[in-house]
Amino acid sequence: MTQPTPLRHQICTITVMDTTDPNITFDENGVCNYVREFTESRKARPDAETRARQLEQLIEGIKAQGRGKPYDCLLGVSGGVDSSYLCAKLKDWGLRPLIVHFDNGWNSELAVKNIEELVTRLNLDLETFVVDWEEFRDLQAAYFRASVVDIEIPTDHMIFAALHQIAVRYNIRVLVSGHNSDTEWLLPKAWYYNKFDLRNLTDINRRYGTNSISRLPKLGIWQQFYYYHFKKIRLVQPLQYIDFHKAEAKRFLIEEMGWRDYGGKHHESIFTRFYQGYVLPRKFGIDKRKAHLSNLILSGQITREDALRELQQPPYDEDQQQEDKAYVAKKLGFSDEEFEAILDAPSREHREFRTDVRDRELYFAIARAYSRLRRMAGLTKRPEPLA
C-alpha cells in the first residue's frame, strides 16, 4: 500500500490522531479534520428525547415483524463489549433475538466462556456458525501474501455473510448490529478497505491462494441485492439511539453478566489481537488505538491525557505478541522465515487487484429501477442497505 510520506510528524491538539493517517489535515490551531467532522455529525444527531422515541418505534416495529415466529431479530455476538452489551439490552427491551457466533478458528477461550455465560444468564438461544477451516485458513494466508492492509476482510466478510444465511433459514427479517458512533465513528479510510468487495476478495485468493472458496459464505453486491430486495432483510443499529458509554457497559457486563475483560478492543479474537497489535504497527505503521482512543475523546469518555498515556504502552504484552506471532504463523502454515519475509515485504493497495466498482454502479441502477417498479405496483419500499 503506497502512501505519501508526511513532511513532518504532527499530532492533533484535541485528539491523538496524527500524520500516520496520510489523509489527515490540520487547521491553523493544529486541530485535525476529524474534530470538525465529528462535531458536524453530532449537530445532525437528534436530541436524546427524539432518539428515545425512535428507539421505541424501532423496537415495536421489530416485535410486530417477528410476531408468530420463534425469533424477531438476529444478533451476531463475538464476546466483545458492544455486541455483548447489546445482547443484554435486546432482552431488556423484550425482544427475542437469535444469537449467532461466528467461529473462524481464532476464538480465545475467554471469548467462548463470555458468550456461554451471557446466553445462559439471559436464557437465549445460541447458534454457532463454524467456518470451513481449510478454505478459510488458505484465504487468510493469501491476504498475508498479498501484503494488503485489511487482512481482517475474510473474517468481517464471512461473518455478515453467515448472519444473512442464517436469517433466511429462520425467516428473520432484522439483523441487529452493535455498531455505534460513540465508540466506532472514527477510522481513517487508508486503514481499511471495503469489507464486501467480493471481486477484490476472489482476485486476491485467485492470485495468492491455493484452494477454492466455494464452501465459504459470501456477501458481495449481488448477494446483497438478493437479501435486501427479495428477502427484505434490513440491518439496524440500536446503540445509535442511546448514549453508549464503553466503561459503563463493561462495568455492567462484569457485574451482571459474569463477563471478563480482554484488555483491548477486539482482543476476544487471537487473530485480531495479533493483527491490530502487531501486524498493523510493524508492517503498515498503523496503531489503531489512535482512532479508537480519539473516538472516545470526541464523545467525552476519556481525556486526551489518558489517551496519550495509553499510547506510551505497547499495544499489548510484548511476550504475548511473540507467542501470538509463532502461533499464527504455524496455524496458517508459514515457516518462521516465510512469515518474517511476508511481514517485511512492501505493502500493496487493494485497488491493485480487481474491484467491484462497476458492479456497484450497476447495482444502484438496478436497485433504483426495482424500487420504482415497487412504487408503481403500490408496494411499500424497503430500506436498501449496501455495505
Protein backbone atom coordinates (compact mmCIF):
# COMPACT_ATOMS: atom_id res chain seq x y z
CA MET A 1 0.00 0.00 0.00
CA THR A 2 1.81 3.08 -1.22
CA GLN A 3 1.27 6.15 0.92
CA PRO A 4 2.67 9.67 0.62
CA THR A 5 5.38 10.26 3.19
CA PRO A 6 4.42 13.11 5.56
CA LEU A 7 6.85 16.02 5.56
CA ARG A 8 6.83 16.07 9.34
CA HIS A 9 5.07 14.31 12.17
CA GLN A 10 2.10 16.20 13.59
CA ILE A 11 -0.48 15.20 16.17
CA CYS A 12 -3.89 16.77 16.67
CA THR A 13 -4.15 19.13 19.64
CA ILE A 14 -7.55 17.73 20.65
CA THR A 15 -7.44 14.05 19.66
CA VAL A 16 -4.44 11.73 19.31
CA MET A 17 -4.77 11.29 15.55
CA ASP A 18 -1.58 12.12 13.67
CA THR A 19 0.14 12.02 10.29
CA THR A 20 0.35 8.24 10.26
CA ASP A 21 -3.04 8.80 8.61
CA PRO A 22 -1.94 10.09 5.16
CA ASN A 23 -5.24 11.91 4.58
CA ILE A 24 -5.39 13.88 7.83
CA THR A 25 -5.47 17.68 7.69
CA PHE A 26 -4.97 20.33 10.36
CA ASP A 27 -6.24 23.88 10.80
CA GLU A 28 -4.15 26.81 11.96
CA ASN A 29 -4.61 25.71 15.60
CA GLY A 30 -3.37 22.19 14.96
CA VAL A 31 -6.87 20.70 15.20
CA CYS A 32 -7.42 17.80 12.80
CA ASN A 33 -10.31 17.43 10.36
CA TYR A 34 -11.91 14.66 12.42
CA VAL A 35 -12.82 17.07 15.20
CA ARG A 36 -14.81 19.29 12.85
CA GLU A 37 -16.40 16.30 11.09
CA PHE A 38 -17.42 14.67 14.36
CA THR A 39 -18.87 17.95 15.64
CA GLU A 40 -20.90 18.32 12.44
CA SER A 41 -22.17 14.76 12.72
CA ARG A 42 -23.28 15.41 16.31
CA LYS A 43 -25.15 18.55 15.30
CA ALA A 44 -27.15 16.46 12.84
CA ARG A 45 -27.92 13.87 15.51
CA PRO A 46 -31.42 14.06 17.02
CA ASP A 47 -31.66 15.01 20.70
CA ALA A 48 -31.95 12.33 23.39
CA GLU A 49 -35.75 12.59 23.65
CA THR A 50 -36.21 12.18 19.91
CA ARG A 51 -33.81 9.25 19.79
CA ALA A 52 -35.68 7.59 22.67
CA ARG A 53 -38.93 7.83 20.67
CA GLN A 54 -37.18 6.50 17.57
CA LEU A 55 -35.80 3.57 19.54
CA GLU A 56 -39.23 2.76 20.93
CA GLN A 57 -40.67 2.81 17.41
CA LEU A 58 -37.85 0.60 16.16
CA ILE A 59 -38.41 -1.95 18.92
CA GLU A 60 -42.17 -2.06 18.32
CA GLY A 61 -41.58 -2.48 14.60
CA ILE A 62 -39.21 -5.40 15.17
CA LYS A 63 -41.71 -7.04 17.52
CA ALA A 64 -44.53 -6.61 15.01
CA GLN A 65 -42.46 -8.06 12.16
CA GLY A 66 -41.44 -11.07 14.26
CA ARG A 67 -44.88 -11.85 15.64
CA GLY A 68 -45.68 -15.55 15.33
CA LYS A 69 -42.02 -16.50 14.73
CA PRO A 70 -39.54 -18.08 17.17
CA TYR A 71 -37.25 -15.05 16.84
CA ASP A 72 -37.85 -11.44 15.87
CA CYS A 73 -34.22 -10.47 15.19
CA LEU A 74 -30.72 -11.88 14.85
CA LEU A 75 -27.57 -10.64 16.57
CA GLY A 76 -24.01 -11.72 15.89
CA VAL A 77 -22.01 -11.88 19.13
CA SER A 78 -18.21 -12.01 19.27
CA GLY A 79 -17.88 -11.86 23.03
CA GLY A 80 -16.69 -8.25 22.87
CA VAL A 81 -18.19 -5.29 24.72
CA ASP A 82 -20.53 -3.81 22.11
CA SER A 83 -22.29 -6.96 20.93
CA SER A 84 -22.46 -8.44 24.45
CA TYR A 85 -23.98 -5.26 25.89
CA LEU A 86 -26.48 -5.05 23.03
CA CYS A 87 -27.42 -8.67 23.64
CA ALA A 88 -28.46 -7.78 27.20
CA LYS A 89 -30.32 -4.66 26.01
CA LEU A 90 -32.32 -6.63 23.45
CA LYS A 91 -33.53 -8.91 26.21
CA ASP A 92 -34.30 -5.91 28.40
CA TRP A 93 -36.37 -4.36 25.58
CA GLY A 94 -38.48 -7.50 25.32
CA LEU A 95 -37.09 -8.69 22.01
CA ARG A 96 -36.46 -12.33 21.11
CA PRO A 97 -33.09 -12.45 19.37
CA LEU A 98 -31.36 -15.49 17.96
CA ILE A 99 -27.72 -15.14 19.00
CA VAL A 100 -25.15 -16.25 16.43
CA HIS A 101 -21.43 -16.70 16.99
CA PHE A 102 -19.06 -16.98 14.03
CA ASP A 103 -16.29 -19.47 14.78
CA ASN A 104 -13.39 -18.85 12.41
CA GLY A 105 -10.90 -20.91 14.37
CA TRP A 106 -9.36 -17.99 16.27
CA ASN A 107 -11.59 -17.70 19.33
CA SER A 108 -9.86 -17.21 22.64
CA GLU A 109 -11.04 -19.49 25.44
CA LEU A 110 -12.17 -16.42 27.34
CA ALA A 111 -14.39 -15.29 24.44
CA VAL A 112 -16.13 -18.68 24.36
CA LYS A 113 -16.69 -18.55 28.13
CA ASN A 114 -18.02 -14.98 27.99
CA ILE A 115 -20.52 -15.89 25.29
CA GLU A 116 -21.67 -19.02 27.08
CA GLU A 117 -22.11 -17.08 30.33
CA LEU A 118 -24.04 -14.34 28.53
CA VAL A 119 -26.58 -16.53 26.74
CA THR A 120 -27.06 -18.74 29.80
CA ARG A 121 -27.82 -15.81 32.10
CA LEU A 122 -30.15 -14.22 29.54
CA ASN A 123 -31.76 -17.56 28.60
CA LEU A 124 -31.21 -17.00 24.87
CA ASP A 125 -30.68 -19.45 22.03
CA LEU A 126 -27.18 -19.58 20.56
CA GLU A 127 -26.21 -20.89 17.15
CA THR A 128 -22.54 -21.23 16.23
CA PHE A 129 -21.52 -20.99 12.59
CA VAL A 130 -18.29 -22.96 12.13
CA VAL A 131 -16.44 -21.86 9.00
CA ASP A 132 -14.74 -24.35 6.68
CA TRP A 133 -11.27 -24.13 8.19
CA GLU A 134 -9.18 -25.35 5.24
CA GLU A 135 -10.65 -22.82 2.82
CA PHE A 136 -10.71 -20.03 5.37
CA ARG A 137 -7.14 -20.63 6.54
CA ASP A 138 -5.90 -20.56 2.96
CA LEU A 139 -7.79 -17.31 2.27
CA GLN A 140 -6.26 -15.64 5.32
CA ALA A 141 -2.80 -16.79 4.22
CA ALA A 142 -3.50 -15.35 0.75
CA TYR A 143 -4.24 -11.95 2.28
CA PHE A 144 -0.91 -12.02 4.11
CA ARG A 145 0.92 -12.87 0.89
CA ALA A 146 -0.91 -10.09 -0.96
CA SER A 147 0.52 -7.52 1.50
CA VAL A 148 -2.73 -5.50 1.60
CA VAL A 149 -3.65 -3.56 4.71
CA ASP A 150 -7.05 -5.05 5.55
CA ILE A 151 -6.17 -8.64 6.41
CA GLU A 152 -9.35 -8.83 8.50
CA ILE A 153 -11.59 -8.82 5.42
CA PRO A 154 -12.02 -12.61 5.26
CA THR A 155 -13.41 -12.64 8.81
CA ASP A 156 -15.54 -9.50 8.54
CA HIS A 157 -16.94 -10.50 5.16
CA MET A 158 -17.78 -14.06 6.20
CA ILE A 159 -19.36 -13.03 9.49
CA PHE A 160 -22.01 -10.91 7.81
CA ALA A 161 -22.48 -13.43 5.01
CA ALA A 162 -23.14 -16.15 7.58
CA LEU A 163 -25.58 -13.95 9.50
CA HIS A 164 -27.61 -13.32 6.34
CA GLN A 165 -27.68 -17.04 5.51
CA ILE A 166 -28.94 -17.92 8.97
CA ALA A 167 -31.52 -15.11 8.89
CA VAL A 168 -33.01 -16.57 5.72
CA ARG A 169 -33.05 -20.06 7.22
CA TYR A 170 -35.09 -18.84 10.22
CA ASN A 171 -37.15 -16.31 8.25
CA ILE A 172 -35.75 -13.43 10.31
CA ARG A 173 -36.06 -10.01 8.68
CA VAL A 174 -33.98 -7.89 11.06
CA LEU A 175 -30.24 -8.13 11.68
CA VAL A 176 -29.09 -6.16 14.72
CA SER A 177 -25.60 -4.67 14.93
CA GLY A 178 -23.71 -3.26 17.91
CA HIS A 179 -22.04 -0.58 15.78
CA ASN A 180 -22.27 2.89 17.32
CA SER A 181 -20.77 6.30 16.64
CA ASP A 182 -19.92 6.93 20.31
CA THR A 183 -17.01 4.49 20.08
CA GLU A 184 -16.66 3.50 16.40
CA TRP A 185 -17.23 6.61 14.31
CA LEU A 186 -13.57 7.32 13.55
CA LEU A 187 -11.50 5.08 11.29
CA PRO A 188 -9.28 6.57 8.54
CA LYS A 189 -10.11 5.30 5.06
CA ALA A 190 -6.44 4.49 4.44
CA TRP A 191 -6.51 1.97 7.29
CA TYR A 192 -9.15 -0.41 5.89
CA TYR A 193 -10.91 -1.48 2.70
CA ASN A 194 -14.48 -2.24 1.65
CA LYS A 195 -15.32 -5.44 3.51
CA PHE A 196 -17.83 -6.59 0.91
CA ASP A 197 -15.91 -6.19 -2.32
CA LEU A 198 -16.23 -9.85 -3.28
CA ARG A 199 -14.42 -9.29 -6.58
CA ASN A 200 -11.39 -7.98 -4.69
CA LEU A 201 -11.51 -10.90 -2.27
CA THR A 202 -11.75 -13.54 -5.00
CA ASP A 203 -8.95 -11.96 -7.03
CA ILE A 204 -6.61 -11.95 -4.03
CA ASN A 205 -7.49 -15.59 -3.43
CA ARG A 206 -7.00 -16.46 -7.11
CA ARG A 207 -3.55 -14.90 -7.19
CA TYR A 208 -2.23 -15.90 -3.77
CA GLY A 209 -4.40 -18.76 -2.51
CA THR A 210 -4.16 -22.45 -3.23
CA ASN A 211 -7.76 -23.52 -2.51
CA SER A 212 -11.19 -22.55 -3.79
CA ILE A 213 -13.57 -20.62 -1.54
CA SER A 214 -16.67 -22.48 -2.72
CA ARG A 215 -17.70 -23.55 0.79
CA LEU A 216 -17.30 -20.13 2.41
CA PRO A 217 -20.31 -17.78 2.87
CA LYS A 218 -20.27 -14.71 0.63
CA LEU A 219 -21.86 -11.26 0.70
CA GLY A 220 -20.93 -9.39 -2.45
CA ILE A 221 -23.06 -6.91 -4.37
CA TRP A 222 -25.48 -9.41 -5.88
CA GLN A 223 -25.88 -11.43 -2.70
CA GLN A 224 -26.83 -8.15 -1.02
CA PHE A 225 -29.39 -7.44 -3.73
CA TYR A 226 -30.98 -10.82 -3.09
CA TYR A 227 -31.06 -10.45 0.70
CA TYR A 228 -32.22 -6.82 0.82
CA HIS A 229 -34.66 -6.68 -2.09
CA PHE A 230 -36.08 -10.19 -2.24
CA LYS A 231 -35.74 -11.48 1.33
CA LYS A 232 -36.43 -7.98 2.75
CA ILE A 233 -33.69 -8.22 5.36
CA ARG A 234 -32.62 -4.97 6.98
CA LEU A 235 -29.79 -4.04 9.29
CA VAL A 236 -30.42 -1.84 12.33
CA GLN A 237 -28.07 -0.31 14.93
CA PRO A 238 -29.98 0.24 18.19
CA LEU A 239 -26.97 1.58 20.12
CA GLN A 240 -27.12 4.67 17.88
CA TYR A 241 -30.30 5.68 19.70
CA ILE A 242 -28.72 5.75 23.16
CA ASP A 243 -25.66 7.35 24.72
CA PHE A 244 -23.29 4.42 24.71
CA HIS A 245 -20.51 4.68 27.28
CA LYS A 246 -17.95 1.88 26.95
CA ALA A 247 -16.68 1.94 30.54
CA GLU A 248 -20.22 1.76 31.91
CA ALA A 249 -21.08 -1.06 29.50
CA LYS A 250 -18.02 -3.00 30.68
CA ARG A 251 -18.92 -2.45 34.31
CA PHE A 252 -22.46 -3.72 33.70
CA LEU A 253 -21.23 -6.82 31.86
CA ILE A 254 -18.69 -7.64 34.57
CA GLU A 255 -21.11 -7.14 37.46
CA GLU A 256 -24.29 -8.56 35.93
CA MET A 257 -23.18 -10.99 33.20
CA GLY A 258 -20.03 -12.57 34.65
CA TRP A 259 -18.08 -11.10 31.72
CA ARG A 260 -14.28 -10.88 31.86
CA ASP A 261 -12.26 -8.17 30.12
CA TYR A 262 -9.83 -8.99 27.28
CA GLY A 263 -7.61 -5.96 27.83
CA GLY A 264 -8.07 -4.41 24.37
CA LYS A 265 -10.60 -3.67 21.65
CA HIS A 266 -11.42 -6.84 19.68
CA HIS A 267 -8.89 -8.86 21.67
CA GLU A 268 -11.52 -11.57 22.07
CA SER A 269 -10.00 -12.95 18.84
CA ILE A 270 -6.39 -14.15 18.89
CA PHE A 271 -6.02 -13.28 15.21
CA THR A 272 -7.47 -9.77 15.59
CA ARG A 273 -5.32 -9.13 18.65
CA PHE A 274 -2.20 -10.05 16.68
CA TYR A 275 -3.29 -8.20 13.52
CA GLN A 276 -4.13 -4.94 15.27
CA GLY A 277 -1.43 -5.08 17.92
CA TYR A 278 1.50 -6.42 15.91
CA VAL A 279 0.97 -6.62 12.13
CA LEU A 280 -0.52 -3.16 11.60
CA PRO A 281 2.13 -1.28 13.61
CA ARG A 282 5.07 -3.26 12.23
CA LYS A 283 4.14 -3.65 8.56
CA PHE A 284 1.93 -0.61 7.92
CA GLY A 285 2.91 1.87 10.64
CA ILE A 286 -0.69 1.94 11.88
CA ASP A 287 -1.71 1.98 15.53
CA LYS A 288 -5.48 1.56 15.54
CA ARG A 289 -5.62 2.62 19.16
CA LYS A 290 -5.17 6.20 17.94
CA ALA A 291 -8.54 6.05 16.19
CA HIS A 292 -10.28 4.15 19.00
CA LEU A 293 -8.98 6.49 21.68
CA SER A 294 -9.67 9.61 19.61
CA ASN A 295 -13.27 8.50 19.20
CA LEU A 296 -13.60 8.19 22.98
CA ILE A 297 -12.06 11.66 23.38
CA LEU A 298 -14.54 13.13 20.90
CA SER A 299 -17.52 11.51 22.64
CA GLY A 300 -16.31 12.76 26.03
CA GLN A 301 -15.50 9.36 27.52
CA ILE A 302 -11.77 9.85 28.19
CA THR A 303 -9.32 12.74 28.23
CA ARG A 304 -6.55 13.34 25.73
CA GLU A 305 -4.02 12.93 28.56
CA ASP A 306 -5.40 9.48 29.34
CA ALA A 307 -5.14 8.54 25.68
CA LEU A 308 -1.55 9.76 25.39
CA ARG A 309 -0.58 7.74 28.45
CA GLU A 310 -2.12 4.61 26.97
CA LEU A 311 -0.26 5.13 23.70
CA GLN A 312 3.01 5.14 25.63
CA GLN A 313 2.39 1.46 26.36
CA PRO A 314 2.79 -1.38 23.83
CA PRO A 315 -0.48 -2.36 22.07
CA TYR A 316 -0.40 -5.46 24.27
CA ASP A 317 2.08 -7.55 26.23
CA GLU A 318 5.24 -7.98 24.15
CA ASP A 319 5.84 -11.57 25.26
CA GLN A 320 2.26 -12.37 24.24
CA GLN A 321 2.92 -10.72 20.87
CA GLN A 322 5.77 -13.13 20.18
CA GLU A 323 3.68 -16.10 21.31
CA ASP A 324 0.86 -14.98 19.02
CA LYS A 325 3.28 -14.49 16.13
CA ALA A 326 4.56 -18.06 16.37
CA TYR A 327 1.03 -19.41 16.83
CA VAL A 328 -0.43 -17.52 13.85
CA ALA A 329 2.46 -18.48 11.56
CA LYS A 330 2.14 -22.15 12.44
CA LYS A 331 -1.64 -22.21 12.18
CA LEU A 332 -1.57 -20.55 8.74
CA GLY A 333 1.13 -22.92 7.53
CA PHE A 334 4.02 -20.45 7.28
CA SER A 335 7.57 -21.22 8.33
CA ASP A 336 9.15 -18.65 10.63
CA GLU A 337 11.37 -17.45 7.77
CA GLU A 338 8.48 -17.19 5.32
CA PHE A 339 6.35 -15.27 7.80
CA GLU A 340 9.17 -12.81 8.51
CA ALA A 341 9.58 -12.23 4.77
CA ILE A 342 5.86 -11.57 4.41
CA LEU A 343 5.86 -9.10 7.30
CA ASP A 344 8.85 -7.29 5.78
CA ALA A 345 7.51 -7.23 2.21
CA PRO A 346 6.39 -3.87 0.72
CA SER A 347 2.72 -3.12 1.23
CA ARG A 348 0.25 -3.02 -1.68
CA GLU A 349 -3.03 -1.23 -2.38
CA HIS A 350 -6.27 -3.22 -2.51
CA ARG A 351 -7.10 -1.47 -5.77
CA GLU A 352 -4.12 -3.18 -7.42
CA PHE A 353 -6.47 -6.17 -7.54
CA ARG A 354 -9.84 -6.40 -9.26
CA THR A 355 -12.66 -4.43 -7.62
CA ASP A 356 -16.45 -4.33 -7.79
CA VAL A 357 -16.69 -0.63 -8.75
CA ARG A 358 -18.59 -1.33 -11.97
CA ASP A 359 -20.79 -3.89 -10.26
CA ARG A 360 -21.74 -1.31 -7.62
CA GLU A 361 -22.74 1.20 -10.30
CA LEU A 362 -24.93 -1.44 -11.93
CA TYR A 363 -26.33 -2.44 -8.55
CA PHE A 364 -27.54 1.07 -7.80
CA ALA A 365 -29.08 1.41 -11.25
CA ILE A 366 -30.98 -1.86 -10.89
CA ALA A 367 -31.94 -1.07 -7.28
CA ARG A 368 -33.42 2.29 -8.33
CA ALA A 369 -35.37 0.65 -11.18
CA TYR A 370 -36.60 -2.09 -8.86
CA SER A 371 -37.76 0.47 -6.29
CA ARG A 372 -39.62 2.43 -8.96
CA LEU A 373 -41.42 -0.72 -10.07
CA ARG A 374 -42.40 -1.47 -6.48
CA ARG A 375 -43.79 2.04 -6.03
CA MET A 376 -45.70 1.79 -9.30
CA ALA A 377 -47.17 -1.51 -8.10
CA GLY A 378 -48.20 0.14 -4.82
CA LEU A 379 -45.79 -1.91 -2.72
CA THR A 380 -44.04 -0.48 0.31
CA LYS A 381 -40.45 0.44 -0.36
CA ARG A 382 -37.96 -1.29 1.91
CA PRO A 383 -34.62 0.12 3.02
CA GLU A 384 -31.84 -0.65 0.58
CA PRO A 385 -28.71 -1.08 2.71
CA LEU A 386 -25.45 -1.53 0.89
CA ALA A 387 -22.28 -2.23 2.83
